[in-house]
Amino acid sequence: MAPSDLDRESVERRLDAVERALTDERSVERVDELDEIETRVAELEAAVQALRGYVGSVRAVNEDVERRADRALRRAEALERHVGPTEADPDPDHDPDPDRDPGDDSADASGALGRLRNRL
């Protein structure tokens, strides 16, 4: 065999392999799979963007709530300084309502301030 015949056979084998690859059903299936994967990736990217937007909204709300809580705490502390413990309750050991639950501090300002501090 002459070297040109070998080159020609090699080229023909390679051309046959390329033709088979182009007409093979598996390659069509792979194109379909690739399209499906691209669709799924696009859906996932959209979901990630939606989640980023949601997280950003939650962060904004959390920052707003934190600012409001800080403002409320500053006002409560200013009120406590202004009123003072002696003016609010001259006898801190005296309980004007003995039937009241000792854990329920909703009736006095220091209890409200204490609850606010505990929640923060």
N, C-alpha and C. Protein backbone atom coordinates (compact mmCIF):
# COMPACT_ATOMS: atom_id res chain seq x y z
N MET A 1 0.82 -1.18 0.00
CA MET A 1 0.00 0.00 0.00
C MET A 1 0.86 1.24 0.00
N ALA A 2 0.49 2.12 -0.85
CA ALA A 2 1.22 3.37 -0.95
C ALA A 2 0.80 4.29 0.19
N PRO A 3 1.67 5.21 0.60
CA PRO A 3 1.34 6.12 1.70
C PRO A 3 0.11 6.96 1.40
N SER A 4 -0.15 7.28 0.15
CA SER A 4 -1.33 8.09 -0.15
C SER A 4 -2.61 7.29 0.05
N ASP A 5 -2.55 5.96 -0.22
CA ASP A 5 -3.72 5.11 0.03
C ASP A 5 -4.02 5.04 1.53
N LEU A 6 -3.00 4.98 2.35
CA LEU A 6 -3.17 4.92 3.80
C LEU A 6 -3.79 6.21 4.31
N ASP A 7 -3.33 7.32 3.80
CA ASP A 7 -3.89 8.61 4.20
C ASP A 7 -5.35 8.71 3.77
N ARG A 8 -5.61 8.23 2.56
CA ARG A 8 -6.99 8.29 2.04
C ARG A 8 -7.92 7.42 2.89
N GLU A 9 -7.47 6.20 3.25
CA GLU A 9 -8.28 5.32 4.09
C GLU A 9 -8.51 5.94 5.46
N SER A 10 -7.50 6.53 6.00
CA SER A 10 -7.61 7.17 7.31
C SER A 10 -8.63 8.31 7.26
N VAL A 11 -8.56 9.10 6.21
CA VAL A 11 -9.50 10.21 6.05
C VAL A 11 -10.91 9.68 5.87
N GLU A 12 -11.08 8.63 5.09
CA GLU A 12 -12.42 8.06 4.87
C GLU A 12 -12.99 7.49 6.17
N ARG A 13 -12.15 6.82 6.96
CA ARG A 13 -12.63 6.28 8.25
C ARG A 13 -13.05 7.42 9.18
N ARG A 14 -12.28 8.45 9.19
CA ARG A 14 -12.61 9.60 10.05
C ARG A 14 -13.89 10.28 9.57
N LEU A 15 -14.04 10.39 8.25
CA LEU A 15 -15.25 11.00 7.70
C LEU A 15 -16.48 10.14 8.02
N ASP A 16 -16.33 8.82 7.92
CA ASP A 16 -17.44 7.93 8.28
C ASP A 16 -17.80 8.10 9.77
N ALA A 17 -16.82 8.22 10.62
CA ALA A 17 -17.06 8.39 12.05
C ALA A 17 -17.79 9.71 12.32
N VAL A 18 -17.40 10.76 11.62
CA VAL A 18 -18.06 12.06 11.80
C VAL A 18 -19.50 11.98 11.32
N GLU A 19 -19.73 11.33 10.17
CA GLU A 19 -21.09 11.19 9.65
C GLU A 19 -21.97 10.38 10.61
N ARG A 20 -21.40 9.32 11.17
CA ARG A 20 -22.17 8.52 12.13
C ARG A 20 -22.52 9.36 13.37
N ALA A 21 -21.57 10.13 13.81
CA ALA A 21 -21.79 10.96 15.00
C ALA A 21 -22.87 12.00 14.76
N LEU A 22 -22.90 12.54 13.54
CA LEU A 22 -23.88 13.57 13.24
C LEU A 22 -25.28 13.00 13.06
N THR A 23 -25.38 11.77 12.62
CA THR A 23 -26.70 11.17 12.37
C THR A 23 -27.13 10.23 13.47
N ASP A 24 -26.31 10.04 14.46
CA ASP A 24 -26.61 9.12 15.54
C ASP A 24 -27.77 9.65 16.39
N GLU A 25 -28.69 8.76 16.76
CA GLU A 25 -29.84 9.16 17.59
C GLU A 25 -29.38 9.62 18.97
N ARG A 26 -28.31 9.05 19.45
CA ARG A 26 -27.84 9.45 20.77
C ARG A 26 -27.45 10.92 20.79
N SER A 27 -26.91 11.40 19.71
CA SER A 27 -26.54 12.82 19.68
C SER A 27 -27.79 13.69 19.72
N VAL A 28 -28.88 13.25 19.10
CA VAL A 28 -30.13 13.99 19.16
C VAL A 28 -30.67 13.97 20.59
N GLU A 29 -30.58 12.80 21.24
CA GLU A 29 -31.01 12.70 22.63
C GLU A 29 -30.18 13.62 23.52
N ARG A 30 -28.91 13.68 23.24
CA ARG A 30 -28.05 14.54 24.04
C ARG A 30 -28.39 16.02 23.84
N VAL A 31 -28.77 16.38 22.65
CA VAL A 31 -29.19 17.77 22.39
C VAL A 31 -30.44 18.06 23.19
N ASP A 32 -31.38 17.09 23.21
CA ASP A 32 -32.60 17.27 24.00
C ASP A 32 -32.27 17.38 25.48
N GLU A 33 -31.37 16.53 25.95
CA GLU A 33 -30.95 16.58 27.36
C GLU A 33 -30.30 17.92 27.67
N LEU A 34 -29.49 18.39 26.76
CA LEU A 34 -28.83 19.68 26.95
C LEU A 34 -29.85 20.81 27.03
N ASP A 35 -30.85 20.78 26.16
CA ASP A 35 -31.92 21.79 26.21
C ASP A 35 -32.65 21.73 27.54
N GLU A 36 -32.92 20.53 28.01
CA GLU A 36 -33.62 20.38 29.30
C GLU A 36 -32.76 20.92 30.44
N ILE A 37 -31.48 20.62 30.39
CA ILE A 37 -30.57 21.11 31.43
C ILE A 37 -30.50 22.63 31.40
N GLU A 38 -30.43 23.20 30.22
CA GLU A 38 -30.38 24.66 30.10
C GLU A 38 -31.65 25.29 30.65
N THR A 39 -32.79 24.66 30.40
CA THR A 39 -34.06 25.16 30.94
C THR A 39 -34.05 25.10 32.47
N ARG A 40 -33.59 24.00 33.01
CA ARG A 40 -33.53 23.84 34.46
C ARG A 40 -32.58 24.85 35.09
N VAL A 41 -31.46 25.08 34.44
CA VAL A 41 -30.50 26.07 34.95
C VAL A 41 -31.13 27.47 34.95
N ALA A 42 -31.86 27.80 33.89
CA ALA A 42 -32.52 29.11 33.83
C ALA A 42 -33.55 29.24 34.94
N GLU A 43 -34.31 28.16 35.20
CA GLU A 43 -35.29 28.20 36.29
C GLU A 43 -34.61 28.36 37.64
N LEU A 44 -33.49 27.65 37.83
CA LEU A 44 -32.75 27.77 39.09
C LEU A 44 -32.18 29.17 39.27
N GLU A 45 -31.69 29.75 38.20
CA GLU A 45 -31.17 31.12 38.28
C GLU A 45 -32.28 32.09 38.65
N ALA A 46 -33.46 31.89 38.10
CA ALA A 46 -34.60 32.76 38.44
C ALA A 46 -34.98 32.57 39.91
N ALA A 47 -34.96 31.34 40.38
CA ALA A 47 -35.29 31.07 41.78
C ALA A 47 -34.26 31.70 42.71
N VAL A 48 -33.00 31.64 42.34
CA VAL A 48 -31.95 32.25 43.16
C VAL A 48 -32.15 33.76 43.22
N GLN A 49 -32.47 34.37 42.10
CA GLN A 49 -32.72 35.81 42.09
C GLN A 49 -33.92 36.16 42.97
N ALA A 50 -34.96 35.35 42.92
CA ALA A 50 -36.14 35.59 43.77
C ALA A 50 -35.76 35.48 45.24
N LEU A 51 -34.97 34.48 45.58
CA LEU A 51 -34.54 34.31 46.96
C LEU A 51 -33.66 35.47 47.41
N ARG A 52 -32.80 35.93 46.54
CA ARG A 52 -31.96 37.09 46.90
C ARG A 52 -32.82 38.31 47.16
N GLY A 53 -33.85 38.50 46.36
CA GLY A 53 -34.77 39.61 46.59
C GLY A 53 -35.50 39.47 47.91
N TYR A 54 -35.95 38.25 48.21
CA TYR A 54 -36.65 38.00 49.47
C TYR A 54 -35.73 38.25 50.67
N VAL A 55 -34.51 37.74 50.59
CA VAL A 55 -33.56 37.93 51.69
C VAL A 55 -33.25 39.41 51.86
N GLY A 56 -33.12 40.13 50.77
CA GLY A 56 -32.88 41.56 50.86
C GLY A 56 -34.04 42.28 51.54
N SER A 57 -35.25 41.86 51.25
CA SER A 57 -36.42 42.45 51.90
C SER A 57 -36.43 42.14 53.39
N VAL A 58 -36.10 40.90 53.74
CA VAL A 58 -36.07 40.51 55.15
C VAL A 58 -35.01 41.31 55.89
N ARG A 59 -33.85 41.49 55.26
CA ARG A 59 -32.80 42.28 55.90
C ARG A 59 -33.26 43.72 56.12
N ALA A 60 -33.94 44.28 55.13
CA ALA A 60 -34.43 45.66 55.27
C ALA A 60 -35.44 45.76 56.40
N VAL A 61 -36.33 44.78 56.49
CA VAL A 61 -37.32 44.79 57.57
C VAL A 61 -36.62 44.63 58.91
N ASN A 62 -35.65 43.71 59.00
CA ASN A 62 -34.92 43.52 60.25
C ASN A 62 -34.21 44.80 60.68
N GLU A 63 -33.60 45.49 59.73
CA GLU A 63 -32.92 46.74 60.06
C GLU A 63 -33.92 47.78 60.54
N ASP A 64 -35.09 47.84 59.92
CA ASP A 64 -36.13 48.78 60.33
C ASP A 64 -36.62 48.45 61.74
N VAL A 65 -36.86 47.18 62.01
CA VAL A 65 -37.32 46.77 63.34
C VAL A 65 -36.24 47.08 64.37
N GLU A 66 -34.99 46.84 64.03
CA GLU A 66 -33.90 47.12 64.96
C GLU A 66 -33.82 48.62 65.26
N ARG A 67 -33.97 49.45 64.23
CA ARG A 67 -33.95 50.92 64.46
C ARG A 67 -35.11 51.33 65.36
N ARG A 68 -36.29 50.78 65.11
CA ARG A 68 -37.45 51.13 65.93
C ARG A 68 -37.27 50.66 67.37
N ALA A 69 -36.72 49.47 67.55
CA ALA A 69 -36.48 48.96 68.90
C ALA A 69 -35.45 49.82 69.62
N ASP A 70 -34.38 50.20 68.93
CA ASP A 70 -33.37 51.07 69.53
C ASP A 70 -33.98 52.41 69.94
N ARG A 71 -34.81 52.95 69.06
CA ARG A 71 -35.47 54.22 69.36
C ARG A 71 -36.39 54.08 70.58
N ALA A 72 -37.15 53.00 70.64
CA ALA A 72 -38.04 52.77 71.78
C ALA A 72 -37.25 52.59 73.06
N LEU A 73 -36.14 51.88 73.00
CA LEU A 73 -35.30 51.69 74.18
C LEU A 73 -34.71 53.02 74.64
N ARG A 74 -34.24 53.84 73.71
CA ARG A 74 -33.70 55.15 74.10
C ARG A 74 -34.77 56.01 74.76
N ARG A 75 -35.98 55.98 74.21
CA ARG A 75 -37.08 56.76 74.81
C ARG A 75 -37.43 56.23 76.20
N ALA A 76 -37.46 54.91 76.35
CA ALA A 76 -37.78 54.34 77.66
C ALA A 76 -36.69 54.68 78.67
N GLU A 77 -35.44 54.62 78.26
CA GLU A 77 -34.35 54.98 79.17
C GLU A 77 -34.40 56.46 79.52
N ALA A 78 -34.72 57.31 78.54
CA ALA A 78 -34.84 58.74 78.82
C ALA A 78 -35.99 58.99 79.79
N LEU A 79 -37.09 58.29 79.60
CA LEU A 79 -38.22 58.42 80.52
C LEU A 79 -37.84 57.95 81.91
N GLU A 80 -37.10 56.87 81.99
CA GLU A 80 -36.67 56.35 83.28
C GLU A 80 -35.76 57.35 83.98
N ARG A 81 -34.84 57.98 83.20
CA ARG A 81 -33.96 58.99 83.80
C ARG A 81 -34.76 60.22 84.24
N HIS A 82 -35.74 60.61 83.43
CA HIS A 82 -36.54 61.79 83.72
C HIS A 82 -37.42 61.56 84.94
N VAL A 83 -38.11 60.44 84.99
CA VAL A 83 -39.02 60.15 86.09
C VAL A 83 -38.24 59.73 87.31
N GLY A 84 -37.24 58.91 87.13
CA GLY A 84 -36.42 58.43 88.23
C GLY A 84 -37.13 57.36 89.01
N PRO A 85 -36.40 56.46 89.62
CA PRO A 85 -37.02 55.36 90.35
C PRO A 85 -37.76 55.83 91.60
N THR A 86 -37.33 56.92 92.26
CA THR A 86 -38.00 57.35 93.49
C THR A 86 -39.35 57.99 93.18
N GLU A 87 -39.47 58.67 92.05
CA GLU A 87 -40.74 59.29 91.72
C GLU A 87 -41.74 58.27 91.20
N ALA A 88 -41.28 57.28 90.49
CA ALA A 88 -42.19 56.29 89.93
C ALA A 88 -42.76 55.41 91.02
N ASP A 89 -41.96 55.02 92.01
CA ASP A 89 -42.42 54.16 93.10
C ASP A 89 -41.60 54.51 94.34
N PRO A 90 -42.19 55.27 95.26
CA PRO A 90 -41.42 55.71 96.42
C PRO A 90 -40.89 54.55 97.25
N ASP A 91 -41.60 53.44 97.32
CA ASP A 91 -41.16 52.28 98.10
C ASP A 91 -41.07 51.10 97.14
N PRO A 92 -39.88 50.78 96.62
CA PRO A 92 -39.76 49.72 95.62
C PRO A 92 -40.16 48.35 96.16
N ASP A 93 -40.10 48.14 97.48
CA ASP A 93 -40.49 46.85 98.04
C ASP A 93 -41.99 46.74 98.27
N HIS A 94 -42.70 47.85 98.21
CA HIS A 94 -44.14 47.86 98.44
C HIS A 94 -44.85 47.45 97.15
N ASP A 95 -45.74 46.46 97.25
CA ASP A 95 -46.52 45.99 96.10
C ASP A 95 -47.94 46.47 96.30
N PRO A 96 -48.41 47.45 95.49
CA PRO A 96 -49.75 47.98 95.67
C PRO A 96 -50.84 46.95 95.34
N ASP A 97 -50.53 45.94 94.58
CA ASP A 97 -51.52 44.93 94.20
C ASP A 97 -50.98 43.55 94.59
N PRO A 98 -51.29 43.07 95.80
CA PRO A 98 -50.72 41.79 96.25
C PRO A 98 -51.26 40.60 95.45
N ASP A 99 -52.40 40.74 94.77
CA ASP A 99 -52.95 39.63 93.99
C ASP A 99 -52.31 39.50 92.62
N ARG A 100 -51.51 40.48 92.25
CA ARG A 100 -50.87 40.47 90.94
C ARG A 100 -49.79 39.41 90.90
N ASP A 101 -49.65 38.78 89.72
CA ASP A 101 -48.61 37.77 89.49
C ASP A 101 -47.26 38.47 89.53
N PRO A 102 -46.30 38.01 90.36
CA PRO A 102 -45.00 38.68 90.46
C PRO A 102 -44.24 38.71 89.13
N GLY A 103 -44.50 37.76 88.25
CA GLY A 103 -43.83 37.75 86.95
C GLY A 103 -44.44 38.70 85.96
N ASP A 104 -45.62 39.24 86.26
CA ASP A 104 -46.32 40.15 85.35
C ASP A 104 -45.92 41.58 85.67
N ASP A 105 -45.01 42.14 84.88
CA ASP A 105 -44.52 43.50 85.10
C ASP A 105 -45.22 44.49 84.19
N SER A 106 -46.37 44.16 83.67
CA SER A 106 -47.02 45.03 82.70
C SER A 106 -47.57 46.29 83.32
N ALA A 107 -47.72 46.34 84.63
CA ALA A 107 -48.36 47.50 85.25
C ALA A 107 -47.39 48.65 85.50
N ASP A 108 -46.09 48.40 85.62
CA ASP A 108 -45.20 49.51 85.94
C ASP A 108 -44.21 49.75 84.82
N ALA A 109 -43.68 50.98 84.79
CA ALA A 109 -42.79 51.40 83.70
C ALA A 109 -41.49 50.62 83.70
N SER A 110 -40.95 50.34 84.89
CA SER A 110 -39.68 49.62 84.92
C SER A 110 -39.88 48.19 84.41
N GLY A 111 -41.06 47.61 84.63
CA GLY A 111 -41.35 46.27 84.10
C GLY A 111 -41.40 46.29 82.59
N ALA A 112 -42.01 47.32 82.03
CA ALA A 112 -42.07 47.44 80.57
C ALA A 112 -40.68 47.63 80.01
N LEU A 113 -39.86 48.43 80.69
CA LEU A 113 -38.50 48.65 80.24
C LEU A 113 -37.71 47.35 80.36
N GLY A 114 -37.91 46.63 81.45
CA GLY A 114 -37.22 45.35 81.63
C GLY A 114 -37.60 44.35 80.55
N ARG A 115 -38.89 44.27 80.23
CA ARG A 115 -39.33 43.35 79.17
C ARG A 115 -38.74 43.75 77.83
N LEU A 116 -38.69 45.06 77.58
CA LEU A 116 -38.11 45.54 76.33
C LEU A 116 -36.64 45.18 76.24
N ARG A 117 -35.92 45.37 77.34
CA ARG A 117 -34.49 45.01 77.36
C ARG A 117 -34.29 43.50 77.17
N ASN A 118 -35.15 42.70 77.79
CA ASN A 118 -35.04 41.25 77.65
C ASN A 118 -35.30 40.80 76.22
N ARG A 119 -36.20 41.44 75.53
CA ARG A 119 -36.50 41.05 74.16
C ARG A 119 -35.39 41.45 73.20
N LEU A 120 -34.65 42.48 73.53
CA LEU A 120 -33.56 42.92 72.65
C LEU A 120 -32.35 42.12 72.99
